[in-house]
Amino acid sequence: MATVRTLIHLPSPALRGAVIAIRASMAHPMETGHRPDAEGRLLPRDIVTRFECRLDGTLVFAADLYPAIAANPYLAFTLRAERDGELQFSWQGDHGLVHRETRRLVLG
């Protein structure tokens, strides 16, 4: 499988009790399955179908994605920073796509 490029932004350190913004994006073409190639055949669907973020294993944000989502899906959400911990980010998609990354949430 090709290298997956992701960007994840979160404040470091975050203030305890503050609502923080987390932003995540993944480089992915998001082919809908409705577009024809040069010979008129439909290109197979290839999309990211699910994104999840967990803090120390507890689900804190999830999104189901559909063909109408643009290429390079970008998600932004907020989280109340109450404790240090490990954020686990997971992208799942068509054709067996599974990509995971972790970032440390550090409170100041």
PDB file of N, CA and C in Angstrom:
ATOM      1  N   MET A   1       0.836  -1.178   0.000  1.00  0.00           N
ATOM      2  CA  MET A   1       0.000   0.000   0.000  1.00  0.00           C
ATOM      3  C   MET A   1       0.882   1.243   0.000  1.00  0.00           C
ATOM      4  N   ALA A   2       0.451   2.250  -0.701  1.00  0.00           N
ATOM      5  CA  ALA A   2       1.202   3.502  -0.798  1.00  0.00           C
ATOM      6  C   ALA A   2       1.231   4.221   0.551  1.00  0.00           C
ATOM      7  N   THR A   3       2.205   5.106   0.690  1.00  0.00           N
ATOM      8  CA  THR A   3       2.311   5.914   1.891  1.00  0.00           C
ATOM      9  C   THR A   3       1.106   6.843   1.987  1.00  0.00           C
ATOM     10  N   VAL A   4       0.519   6.914   3.158  1.00  0.00           N
ATOM     11  CA  VAL A   4      -0.637   7.774   3.393  1.00  0.00           C
ATOM     12  C   VAL A   4      -0.151   9.062   4.042  1.00  0.00           C
ATOM     13  N   ARG A   5      -0.579  10.193   3.497  1.00  0.00           N
ATOM     14  CA  ARG A   5      -0.186  11.484   4.049  1.00  0.00           C
ATOM     15  C   ARG A   5      -1.347  12.066   4.833  1.00  0.00           C
ATOM     16  N   THR A   6      -1.108  12.353   6.098  1.00  0.00           N
ATOM     17  CA  THR A   6      -2.121  12.973   6.949  1.00  0.00           C
ATOM     18  C   THR A   6      -1.536  14.207   7.615  1.00  0.00           C
ATOM     19  N   LEU A   7      -2.410  15.113   7.984  1.00  0.00           N
ATOM     20  CA  LEU A   7      -2.043  16.283   8.781  1.00  0.00           C
ATOM     21  C   LEU A   7      -2.968  16.323   9.987  1.00  0.00           C
ATOM     22  N   ILE A   8      -2.388  16.434  11.157  1.00  0.00           N
ATOM     23  CA  ILE A   8      -3.166  16.506  12.397  1.00  0.00           C
ATOM     24  C   ILE A   8      -2.655  17.700  13.186  1.00  0.00           C
ATOM     25  N   HIS A   9      -3.575  18.573  13.565  1.00  0.00           N
ATOM     26  CA  HIS A   9      -3.212  19.769  14.330  1.00  0.00           C
ATOM     27  C   HIS A   9      -3.987  19.778  15.650  1.00  0.00           C
ATOM     28  N   LEU A  10      -3.257  19.951  16.747  1.00  0.00           N
ATOM     29  CA  LEU A  10      -3.868  20.166  18.049  1.00  0.00           C
ATOM     30  C   LEU A  10      -2.931  21.032  18.865  1.00  0.00           C
ATOM     31  N   PRO A  11      -3.484  21.804  19.803  1.00  0.00           N
ATOM     32  CA  PRO A  11      -2.623  22.690  20.590  1.00  0.00           C
ATOM     33  C   PRO A  11      -1.713  21.887  21.519  1.00  0.00           C
ATOM     34  N   SER A  12      -0.510  22.395  21.705  1.00  0.00           N
ATOM     35  CA  SER A  12       0.406  21.745  22.620  1.00  0.00           C
ATOM     36  C   SER A  12       1.256  22.809  23.294  1.00  0.00           C
ATOM     37  N   PRO A  13       1.160  22.996  24.556  1.00  0.00           N
ATOM     38  CA  PRO A  13       0.232  22.286  25.434  1.00  0.00           C
ATOM     39  C   PRO A  13      -1.164  22.902  25.376  1.00  0.00           C
ATOM     40  N   ALA A  14      -2.143  22.116  25.775  1.00  0.00           N
ATOM     41  CA  ALA A  14      -3.527  22.594  25.869  1.00  0.00           C
ATOM     42  C   ALA A  14      -3.800  22.984  27.326  1.00  0.00           C
ATOM     43  N   LEU A  15      -4.650  23.967  27.506  1.00  0.00           N
ATOM     44  CA  LEU A  15      -5.000  24.378  28.865  1.00  0.00           C
ATOM     45  C   LEU A  15      -6.036  23.425  29.451  1.00  0.00           C
ATOM     46  N   ARG A  16      -5.804  22.969  30.666  1.00  0.00           N
ATOM     47  CA  ARG A  16      -6.735  22.052  31.328  1.00  0.00           C
ATOM     48  C   ARG A  16      -8.118  22.711  31.424  1.00  0.00           C
ATOM     49  N   GLY A  17      -9.139  21.965  30.983  1.00  0.00           N
ATOM     50  CA  GLY A  17     -10.509  22.449  31.029  1.00  0.00           C
ATOM     51  C   GLY A  17     -10.923  23.267  29.827  1.00  0.00           C
ATOM     52  N   ALA A  18      -9.977  23.619  28.965  1.00  0.00           N
ATOM     53  CA  ALA A  18     -10.300  24.429  27.781  1.00  0.00           C
ATOM     54  C   ALA A  18     -10.897  23.551  26.685  1.00  0.00           C
ATOM     55  N   VAL A  19     -11.732  24.164  25.862  1.00  0.00           N
ATOM     56  CA  VAL A  19     -12.242  23.491  24.670  1.00  0.00           C
ATOM     57  C   VAL A  19     -11.220  23.745  23.568  1.00  0.00           C
ATOM     58  N   ILE A  20     -10.657  22.669  23.043  1.00  0.00           N
ATOM     59  CA  ILE A  20      -9.607  22.800  22.040  1.00  0.00           C
ATOM     60  C   ILE A  20     -10.123  22.351  20.669  1.00  0.00           C
ATOM     61  N   ALA A  21      -9.546  22.923  19.633  1.00  0.00           N
ATOM     62  CA  ALA A  21      -9.883  22.539  18.264  1.00  0.00           C
ATOM     63  C   ALA A  21      -8.872  21.505  17.782  1.00  0.00           C
ATOM     64  N   ILE A  22      -9.372  20.433  17.195  1.00  0.00           N
ATOM     65  CA  ILE A  22      -8.539  19.400  16.598  1.00  0.00           C
ATOM     66  C   ILE A  22      -8.897  19.340  15.120  1.00  0.00           C
ATOM     67  N   ARG A  23      -7.879  19.336  14.275  1.00  0.00           N
ATOM     68  CA  ARG A  23      -8.100  19.289  12.824  1.00  0.00           C
ATOM     69  C   ARG A  23      -7.307  18.130  12.256  1.00  0.00           C
ATOM     70  N   ALA A  24      -7.942  17.376  11.367  1.00  0.00           N
ATOM     71  CA  ALA A  24      -7.275  16.228  10.738  1.00  0.00           C
ATOM     72  C   ALA A  24      -7.663  16.154   9.276  1.00  0.00           C
ATOM     73  N   SER A  25      -6.675  15.894   8.439  1.00  0.00           N
ATOM     74  CA  SER A  25      -6.966  15.685   7.021  1.00  0.00           C
ATOM     75  C   SER A  25      -6.102  14.543   6.501  1.00  0.00           C
ATOM     76  N   MET A  26      -6.582  13.959   5.420  1.00  0.00           N
ATOM     77  CA  MET A  26      -5.883  12.834   4.802  1.00  0.00           C
ATOM     78  C   MET A  26      -5.849  13.057   3.296  1.00  0.00           C
ATOM     79  N   ALA A  27      -4.694  12.879   2.688  1.00  0.00           N
ATOM     80  CA  ALA A  27      -4.587  12.965   1.234  1.00  0.00           C
ATOM     81  C   ALA A  27      -5.211  11.706   0.636  1.00  0.00           C
ATOM     82  N   HIS A  28      -6.328  11.879  -0.059  1.00  0.00           N
ATOM     83  CA  HIS A  28      -7.045  10.755  -0.652  1.00  0.00           C
ATOM     84  C   HIS A  28      -7.902  11.274  -1.798  1.00  0.00           C
ATOM     85  N   PRO A  29      -7.921  10.597  -2.958  1.00  0.00           N
ATOM     86  CA  PRO A  29      -8.648  11.123  -4.120  1.00  0.00           C
ATOM     87  C   PRO A  29     -10.166  11.082  -4.000  1.00  0.00           C
ATOM     88  N   MET A  30     -10.726  10.222  -3.159  1.00  0.00           N
ATOM     89  CA  MET A  30     -12.178  10.131  -2.961  1.00  0.00           C
ATOM     90  C   MET A  30     -12.935   9.996  -4.289  1.00  0.00           C
ATOM     91  N   GLU A  31     -12.694   8.908  -4.989  1.00  0.00           N
ATOM     92  CA  GLU A  31     -13.391   8.637  -6.250  1.00  0.00           C
ATOM     93  C   GLU A  31     -14.799   8.131  -5.950  1.00  0.00           C
ATOM     94  N   THR A  32     -15.814   8.794  -6.515  1.00  0.00           N
ATOM     95  CA  THR A  32     -17.221   8.519  -6.176  1.00  0.00           C
ATOM     96  C   THR A  32     -17.785   7.242  -6.774  1.00  0.00           C
ATOM     97  N   GLY A  33     -17.211   6.772  -7.870  1.00  0.00           N
ATOM     98  CA  GLY A  33     -17.783   5.621  -8.556  1.00  0.00           C
ATOM     99  C   GLY A  33     -18.792   6.024  -9.616  1.00  0.00           C
ATOM    100  N   HIS A  34     -19.001   7.324  -9.817  1.00  0.00           N
ATOM    101  CA  HIS A  34     -19.959   7.831 -10.803  1.00  0.00           C
ATOM    102  C   HIS A  34     -19.272   8.501 -11.987  1.00  0.00           C
ATOM    103  N   ARG A  35     -17.964   8.606 -11.964  1.00  0.00           N
ATOM    104  CA  ARG A  35     -17.231   9.341 -13.003  1.00  0.00           C
ATOM    105  C   ARG A  35     -16.620   8.356 -13.996  1.00  0.00           C
ATOM    106  N   PRO A  36     -16.764   8.615 -15.303  1.00  0.00           N
ATOM    107  CA  PRO A  36     -16.194   7.705 -16.296  1.00  0.00           C
ATOM    108  C   PRO A  36     -14.722   8.010 -16.566  1.00  0.00           C
ATOM    109  N   ASP A  37     -13.999   6.961 -16.987  1.00  0.00           N
ATOM    110  CA  ASP A  37     -12.614   7.148 -17.419  1.00  0.00           C
ATOM    111  C   ASP A  37     -12.610   7.563 -18.891  1.00  0.00           C
ATOM    112  N   ALA A  38     -11.441   7.602 -19.519  1.00  0.00           N
ATOM    113  CA  ALA A  38     -11.319   8.046 -20.912  1.00  0.00           C
ATOM    114  C   ALA A  38     -12.073   7.143 -21.892  1.00  0.00           C
ATOM    115  N   GLU A  39     -12.277   5.869 -21.535  1.00  0.00           N
ATOM    116  CA  GLU A  39     -13.006   4.936 -22.404  1.00  0.00           C
ATOM    117  C   GLU A  39     -14.497   4.877 -22.084  1.00  0.00           C
ATOM    118  N   GLY A  40     -14.963   5.673 -21.133  1.00  0.00           N
ATOM    119  CA  GLY A  40     -16.380   5.698 -20.782  1.00  0.00           C
ATOM    120  C   GLY A  40     -16.788   4.726 -19.695  1.00  0.00           C
ATOM    121  N   ARG A  41     -15.850   3.937 -19.170  1.00  0.00           N
ATOM    122  CA  ARG A  41     -16.162   3.008 -18.073  1.00  0.00           C
ATOM    123  C   ARG A  41     -16.137   3.768 -16.750  1.00  0.00           C
ATOM    124  N   LEU A  42     -17.044   3.388 -15.853  1.00  0.00           N
ATOM    125  CA  LEU A  42     -17.069   4.043 -14.546  1.00  0.00           C
ATOM    126  C   LEU A  42     -15.838   3.653 -13.740  1.00  0.00           C
ATOM    127  N   LEU A  43     -15.194   4.651 -13.179  1.00  0.00           N
ATOM    128  CA  LEU A  43     -14.076   4.391 -12.273  1.00  0.00           C
ATOM    129  C   LEU A  43     -14.639   3.792 -10.993  1.00  0.00           C
ATOM    130  N   PRO A  44     -13.993   2.794 -10.409  1.00  0.00           N
ATOM    131  CA  PRO A  44     -14.525   2.181  -9.192  1.00  0.00           C
ATOM    132  C   PRO A  44     -14.509   3.160  -8.013  1.00  0.00           C
ATOM    133  N   ARG A  45     -15.517   3.032  -7.177  1.00  0.00           N
ATOM    134  CA  ARG A  45     -15.596   3.879  -5.989  1.00  0.00           C
ATOM    135  C   ARG A  45     -14.395   3.602  -5.092  1.00  0.00           C
ATOM    136  N   ASP A  46     -13.825   4.661  -4.536  1.00  0.00           N
ATOM    137  CA  ASP A  46     -12.693   4.550  -3.623  1.00  0.00           C
ATOM    138  C   ASP A  46     -12.747   5.745  -2.682  1.00  0.00           C
ATOM    139  N   ILE A  47     -13.434   5.574  -1.550  1.00  0.00           N
ATOM    140  CA  ILE A  47     -13.600   6.680  -0.609  1.00  0.00           C
ATOM    141  C   ILE A  47     -13.194   6.260   0.807  1.00  0.00           C
ATOM    142  N   VAL A  48     -12.896   7.252   1.610  1.00  0.00           N
ATOM    143  CA  VAL A  48     -12.746   7.055   3.049  1.00  0.00           C
ATOM    144  C   VAL A  48     -14.173   7.027   3.595  1.00  0.00           C
ATOM    145  N   THR A  49     -14.522   5.969   4.304  1.00  0.00           N
ATOM    146  CA  THR A  49     -15.905   5.811   4.759  1.00  0.00           C
ATOM    147  C   THR A  49     -16.108   6.125   6.239  1.00  0.00           C
ATOM    148  N   ARG A  50     -15.037   6.116   7.031  1.00  0.00           N
ATOM    149  CA  ARG A  50     -15.195   6.319   8.476  1.00  0.00           C
ATOM    150  C   ARG A  50     -13.943   6.971   9.036  1.00  0.00           C
ATOM    151  N   PHE A  51     -14.155   7.925   9.937  1.00  0.00           N
ATOM    152  CA  PHE A  51     -13.074   8.549  10.692  1.00  0.00           C
ATOM    153  C   PHE A  51     -13.447   8.464  12.160  1.00  0.00           C
ATOM    154  N   GLU A  52     -12.488   8.111  13.001  1.00  0.00           N
ATOM    155  CA  GLU A  52     -12.705   8.080  14.445  1.00  0.00           C
ATOM    156  C   GLU A  52     -11.512   8.694  15.162  1.00  0.00           C
ATOM    157  N   CYS A  53     -11.813   9.327  16.297  1.00  0.00           N
ATOM    158  CA  CYS A  53     -10.766   9.807  17.193  1.00  0.00           C
ATOM    159  C   CYS A  53     -11.098   9.291  18.587  1.00  0.00           C
ATOM    160  N   ARG A  54     -10.120   8.689  19.219  1.00  0.00           N
ATOM    161  CA  ARG A  54     -10.285   8.153  20.580  1.00  0.00           C
ATOM    162  C   ARG A  54      -9.239   8.774  21.491  1.00  0.00           C
ATOM    163  N   LEU A  55      -9.629   9.028  22.716  1.00  0.00           N
ATOM    164  CA  LEU A  55      -8.710   9.498  23.746  1.00  0.00           C
ATOM    165  C   LEU A  55      -8.541   8.371  24.735  1.00  0.00           C
ATOM    166  N   ASP A  56      -7.353   7.795  24.780  1.00  0.00           N
ATOM    167  CA  ASP A  56      -7.060   6.639  25.636  1.00  0.00           C
ATOM    168  C   ASP A  56      -8.111   5.539  25.460  1.00  0.00           C
ATOM    169  N   GLY A  57      -8.510   5.297  24.207  1.00  0.00           N
ATOM    170  CA  GLY A  57      -9.441   4.215  23.903  1.00  0.00           C
ATOM    171  C   GLY A  57     -10.914   4.586  23.936  1.00  0.00           C
ATOM    172  N   THR A  58     -11.250   5.764  24.466  1.00  0.00           N
ATOM    173  CA  THR A  58     -12.645   6.204  24.534  1.00  0.00           C
ATOM    174  C   THR A  58     -12.964   7.053  23.311  1.00  0.00           C
ATOM    175  N   LEU A  59     -14.007   6.675  22.571  1.00  0.00           N
ATOM    176  CA  LEU A  59     -14.402   7.409  21.383  1.00  0.00           C
ATOM    177  C   LEU A  59     -14.842   8.822  21.761  1.00  0.00           C
ATOM    178  N   VAL A  60     -14.195   9.832  21.152  1.00  0.00           N
ATOM    179  CA  VAL A  60     -14.545  11.229  21.429  1.00  0.00           C
ATOM    180  C   VAL A  60     -15.127  11.926  20.198  1.00  0.00           C
ATOM    181  N   PHE A  61     -14.900  11.362  18.996  1.00  0.00           N
ATOM    182  CA  PHE A  61     -15.473  11.923  17.773  1.00  0.00           C
ATOM    183  C   PHE A  61     -15.455  10.844  16.697  1.00  0.00           C
ATOM    184  N   ALA A  62     -16.539  10.798  15.904  1.00  0.00           N
ATOM    185  CA  ALA A  62     -16.596   9.867  14.773  1.00  0.00           C
ATOM    186  C   ALA A  62     -17.411  10.503  13.670  1.00  0.00           C
ATOM    187  N   ALA A  63     -17.090  10.150  12.439  1.00  0.00           N
ATOM    188  CA  ALA A  63     -17.840  10.650  11.281  1.00  0.00           C
ATOM    189  C   ALA A  63     -17.892   9.561  10.220  1.00  0.00           C
ATOM    190  N   ASP A  64     -19.083   9.338   9.664  1.00  0.00           N
ATOM    191  CA  ASP A  64     -19.246   8.477   8.501  1.00  0.00           C
ATOM    192  C   ASP A  64     -19.187   9.376   7.280  1.00  0.00           C
ATOM    193  N   LEU A  65     -18.388   8.989   6.296  1.00  0.00           N
ATOM    194  CA  LEU A  65     -18.200   9.796   5.098  1.00  0.00           C
ATOM    195  C   LEU A  65     -18.831   9.091   3.905  1.00  0.00           C
ATOM    196  N   TYR A  66     -19.305   9.877   2.954  1.00  0.00           N
ATOM    197  CA  TYR A  66     -20.028   9.372   1.792  1.00  0.00           C
ATOM    198  C   TYR A  66     -19.406   9.931   0.518  1.00  0.00           C
ATOM    199  N   PRO A  67     -19.809   9.433  -0.662  1.00  0.00           N
ATOM    200  CA  PRO A  67     -19.184   9.877  -1.916  1.00  0.00           C
ATOM    201  C   PRO A  67     -19.237  11.383  -2.173  1.00  0.00           C
ATOM    202  N   ALA A  68     -20.124  12.111  -1.553  1.00  0.00           N
ATOM    203  CA  ALA A  68     -20.211  13.554  -1.785  1.00  0.00           C
ATOM    204  C   ALA A  68     -19.071  14.329  -1.110  1.00  0.00           C
ATOM    205  N   ILE A  69     -18.292  13.684  -0.258  1.00  0.00           N
ATOM    206  CA  ILE A  69     -17.170  14.345   0.405  1.00  0.00           C
ATOM    207  C   ILE A  69     -16.065  14.603  -0.622  1.00  0.00           C
ATOM    208  N   ALA A  70     -15.467  15.768  -0.564  1.00  0.00           N
ATOM    209  CA  ALA A  70     -14.405  16.147  -1.509  1.00  0.00           C
ATOM    210  C   ALA A  70     -13.136  15.330  -1.281  1.00  0.00           C
ATOM    211  N   ALA A  71     -12.260  15.382  -2.262  1.00  0.00           N
ATOM    212  CA  ALA A  71     -10.952  14.749  -2.122  1.00  0.00           C
ATOM    213  C   ALA A  71     -10.223  15.345  -0.924  1.00  0.00           C
ATOM    214  N   ASN A  72      -9.297  14.577  -0.373  1.00  0.00           N
ATOM    215  CA  ASN A  72      -8.496  15.008   0.776  1.00  0.00           C
ATOM    216  C   ASN A  72      -9.386  15.437   1.942  1.00  0.00           C
ATOM    217  N   PRO A  73     -10.187  14.504   2.477  1.00  0.00           N
ATOM    218  CA  PRO A  73     -11.158  14.870   3.513  1.00  0.00           C
ATOM    219  C   PRO A  73     -10.501  15.556   4.717  1.00  0.00           C
ATOM    220  N   TYR A  74     -11.141  16.648   5.128  1.00  0.00           N
ATOM    221  CA  TYR A  74     -10.677  17.481   6.244  1.00  0.00           C
ATOM    222  C   TYR A  74     -11.786  17.494   7.288  1.00  0.00           C
ATOM    223  N   LEU A  75     -11.438  17.192   8.522  1.00  0.00           N
ATOM    224  CA  LEU A  75     -12.412  17.201   9.610  1.00  0.00           C
ATOM    225  C   LEU A  75     -11.868  18.065  10.738  1.00  0.00           C
ATOM    226  N   ALA A  76     -12.764  18.832  11.339  1.00  0.00           N
ATOM    227  CA  ALA A  76     -12.404  19.666  12.491  1.00  0.00           C
ATOM    228  C   ALA A  76     -13.466  19.455  13.557  1.00  0.00           C
ATOM    229  N   PHE A  77     -13.027  19.307  14.794  1.00  0.00           N
ATOM    230  CA  PHE A  77     -13.956  19.103  15.901  1.00  0.00           C
ATOM    231  C   PHE A  77     -13.315  19.643  17.169  1.00  0.00           C
ATOM    232  N   THR A  78     -14.124  19.759  18.212  1.00  0.00           N
ATOM    233  CA  THR A  78     -13.616  20.274  19.482  1.00  0.00           C
ATOM    234  C   THR A  78     -13.675  19.192  20.554  1.00  0.00           C
ATOM    235  N   LEU A  79     -12.863  19.400  21.567  1.00  0.00           N
ATOM    236  CA  LEU A  79     -12.757  18.458  22.670  1.00  0.00           C
ATOM    237  C   LEU A  79     -12.408  19.258  23.922  1.00  0.00           C
ATOM    238  N   ARG A  80     -13.045  18.947  25.032  1.00  0.00           N
ATOM    239  CA  ARG A  80     -12.665  19.587  26.290  1.00  0.00           C
ATOM    240  C   ARG A  80     -11.447  18.855  26.842  1.00  0.00           C
ATOM    241  N   ALA A  81     -10.358  19.569  27.020  1.00  0.00           N
ATOM    242  CA  ALA A  81      -9.095  18.988  27.479  1.00  0.00           C
ATOM    243  C   ALA A  81      -9.115  18.872  28.995  1.00  0.00           C
ATOM    244  N   GLU A  82      -9.420  17.682  29.488  1.00  0.00           N
ATOM    245  CA  GLU A  82      -9.512  17.477  30.933  1.00  0.00           C
ATOM    246  C   GLU A  82      -8.345  16.689  31.504  1.00  0.00           C
ATOM    247  N   ARG A  83      -7.626  15.950  30.625  1.00  0.00           N
ATOM    248  CA  ARG A  83      -6.491  15.154  31.108  1.00  0.00           C
ATOM    249  C   ARG A  83      -5.517  14.896  29.967  1.00  0.00           C
ATOM    250  N   ASP A  84      -4.266  14.652  30.331  1.00  0.00           N
ATOM    251  CA  ASP A  84      -3.287  14.203  29.346  1.00  0.00           C
ATOM    252  C   ASP A  84      -3.738  12.847  28.820  1.00  0.00           C
ATOM    253  N   GLY A  85      -3.307  12.517  27.633  1.00  0.00           N
ATOM    254  CA  GLY A  85      -3.635  11.197  27.111  1.00  0.00           C
ATOM    255  C   GLY A  85      -3.185  11.027  25.680  1.00  0.00           C
ATOM    256  N   GLU A  86      -3.445   9.860  25.171  1.00  0.00           N
ATOM    257  CA  GLU A  86      -3.076   9.543  23.793  1.00  0.00           C
ATOM    258  C   GLU A  86      -4.317   9.615  22.904  1.00  0.00           C
ATOM    259  N   LEU A  87      -4.227  10.439  21.864  1.00  0.00           N
ATOM    260  CA  LEU A  87      -5.297  10.526  20.876  1.00  0.00           C
ATOM    261  C   LEU A  87      -4.974   9.547  19.744  1.00  0.00           C
ATOM    262  N   GLN A  88      -5.925   8.671  19.445  1.00  0.00           N
ATOM    263  CA  GLN A  88      -5.765   7.717  18.351  1.00  0.00           C
ATOM    264  C   GLN A  88      -6.713   8.135  17.232  1.00  0.00           C
ATOM    265  N   PHE A  89      -6.165   8.359  16.051  1.00  0.00           N
ATOM    266  CA  PHE A  89      -6.930   8.755  14.876  1.00  0.00           C
ATOM    267  C   PHE A  89      -6.985   7.563  13.933  1.00  0.00           C
ATOM    268  N   SER A  90      -8.167   7.284  13.377  1.00  0.00           N
ATOM    269  CA  SER A  90      -8.334   6.134  12.495  1.00  0.00           C
ATOM    270  C   SER A  90      -9.176   6.518  11.287  1.00  0.00           C
ATOM    271  N   TRP A  91      -8.660   6.182  10.109  1.00  0.00           N
ATOM    272  CA  TRP A  91      -9.395   6.371   8.845  1.00  0.00           C
ATOM    273  C   TRP A  91      -9.620   4.979   8.264  1.00  0.00           C
ATOM    274  N   GLN A  92     -10.855   4.701   7.809  1.00  0.00           N
ATOM    275  CA  GLN A  92     -11.177   3.430   7.166  1.00  0.00           C
ATOM    276  C   GLN A  92     -11.868   3.721   5.849  1.00  0.00           C
ATOM    277  N   GLY A  93     -11.682   2.844   4.876  1.00  0.00           N
ATOM    278  CA  GLY A  93     -12.291   3.104   3.591  1.00  0.00           C
ATOM    279  C   GLY A  93     -12.402   1.890   2.700  1.00  0.00           C
ATOM    280  N   ASP A  94     -12.804   2.163   1.470  1.00  0.00           N
ATOM    281  CA  ASP A  94     -12.956   1.112   0.478  1.00  0.00           C
ATOM    282  C   ASP A  94     -11.616   0.443   0.187  1.00  0.00           C
ATOM    283  N   HIS A  95     -11.707  -0.771  -0.347  1.00  0.00           N
ATOM    284  CA  HIS A  95     -10.533  -1.544  -0.777  1.00  0.00           C
ATOM    285  C   HIS A  95      -9.579  -1.830   0.376  1.00  0.00           C
ATOM    286  N   GLY A  96     -10.114  -1.965   1.583  1.00  0.00           N
ATOM    287  CA  GLY A  96      -9.301  -2.350   2.737  1.00  0.00           C
ATOM    288  C   GLY A  96      -8.480  -1.243   3.370  1.00  0.00           C
ATOM    289  N   LEU A  97      -8.779   0.007   3.027  1.00  0.00           N
ATOM    290  CA  LEU A  97      -8.024   1.119   3.617  1.00  0.00           C
ATOM    291  C   LEU A  97      -8.232   1.171   5.128  1.00  0.00           C
ATOM    292  N   VAL A  98      -7.154   1.090   5.868  1.00  0.00           N
ATOM    293  CA  VAL A  98      -7.154   1.314   7.314  1.00  0.00           C
ATOM    294  C   VAL A  98      -5.848   2.043   7.617  1.00  0.00           C
ATOM    295  N   HIS A  99      -5.972   3.232   8.197  1.00  0.00           N
ATOM    296  CA  HIS A  99      -4.775   3.998   8.557  1.00  0.00           C
ATOM    297  C   HIS A  99      -4.990   4.564   9.952  1.00  0.00           C
ATOM    298  N   ARG A 100      -3.971   4.413  10.800  1.00  0.00           N
ATOM    299  CA  ARG A 100      -4.056   4.903  12.179  1.00  0.00           C
ATOM    300  C   ARG A 100      -2.822   5.731  12.506  1.00  0.00           C
ATOM    301  N   GLU A 101      -3.069   6.770  13.287  1.00  0.00           N
ATOM    302  CA  GLU A 101      -1.968   7.591  13.809  1.00  0.00           C
ATOM    303  C   GLU A 101      -2.300   7.953  15.246  1.00  0.00           C
ATOM    304  N   THR A 102      -1.281   8.264  16.021  1.00  0.00           N
ATOM    305  CA  THR A 102      -1.475   8.698  17.401  1.00  0.00           C
ATOM    306  C   THR A 102      -0.745  10.009  17.637  1.00  0.00           C
ATOM    307  N   ARG A 103      -1.297  10.794  18.544  1.00  0.00           N
ATOM    308  CA  ARG A 103      -0.662  12.029  18.993  1.00  0.00           C
ATOM    309  C   ARG A 103      -0.889  12.120  20.495  1.00  0.00           C
ATOM    310  N   ARG A 104       0.056  12.693  21.173  1.00  0.00           N
ATOM    311  CA  ARG A 104      -0.042  12.871  22.620  1.00  0.00           C
ATOM    312  C   ARG A 104      -0.735  14.193  22.909  1.00  0.00           C
ATOM    313  N   LEU A 105      -1.773  14.173  23.738  1.00  0.00           N
ATOM    314  CA  LEU A 105      -2.434  15.375  24.216  1.00  0.00           C
ATOM    315  C   LEU A 105      -1.769  15.749  25.539  1.00  0.00           C
ATOM    316  N   VAL A 106      -1.124  16.900  25.540  1.00  0.00           N
ATOM    317  CA  VAL A 106      -0.382  17.335  26.719  1.00  0.00           C
ATOM    318  C   VAL A 106      -1.049  18.601  27.252  1.00  0.00           C
ATOM    319  N   LEU A 107      -1.369  18.590  28.549  1.00  0.00           N
ATOM    320  CA  LEU A 107      -1.986  19.760  29.186  1.00  0.00           C
ATOM    321  C   LEU A 107      -0.937  20.561  29.914  1.00  0.00           C
ATOM    322  N   GLY A 108      -1.081  21.871  29.816  1.00  0.00           N
ATOM    323  CA  GLY A 108      -0.127  22.765  30.472  1.00  0.00           C
ATOM    324  C   GLY A 108      -0.699  23.358  31.727  1.00  0.00           C
TER     325      GLY A 108
END
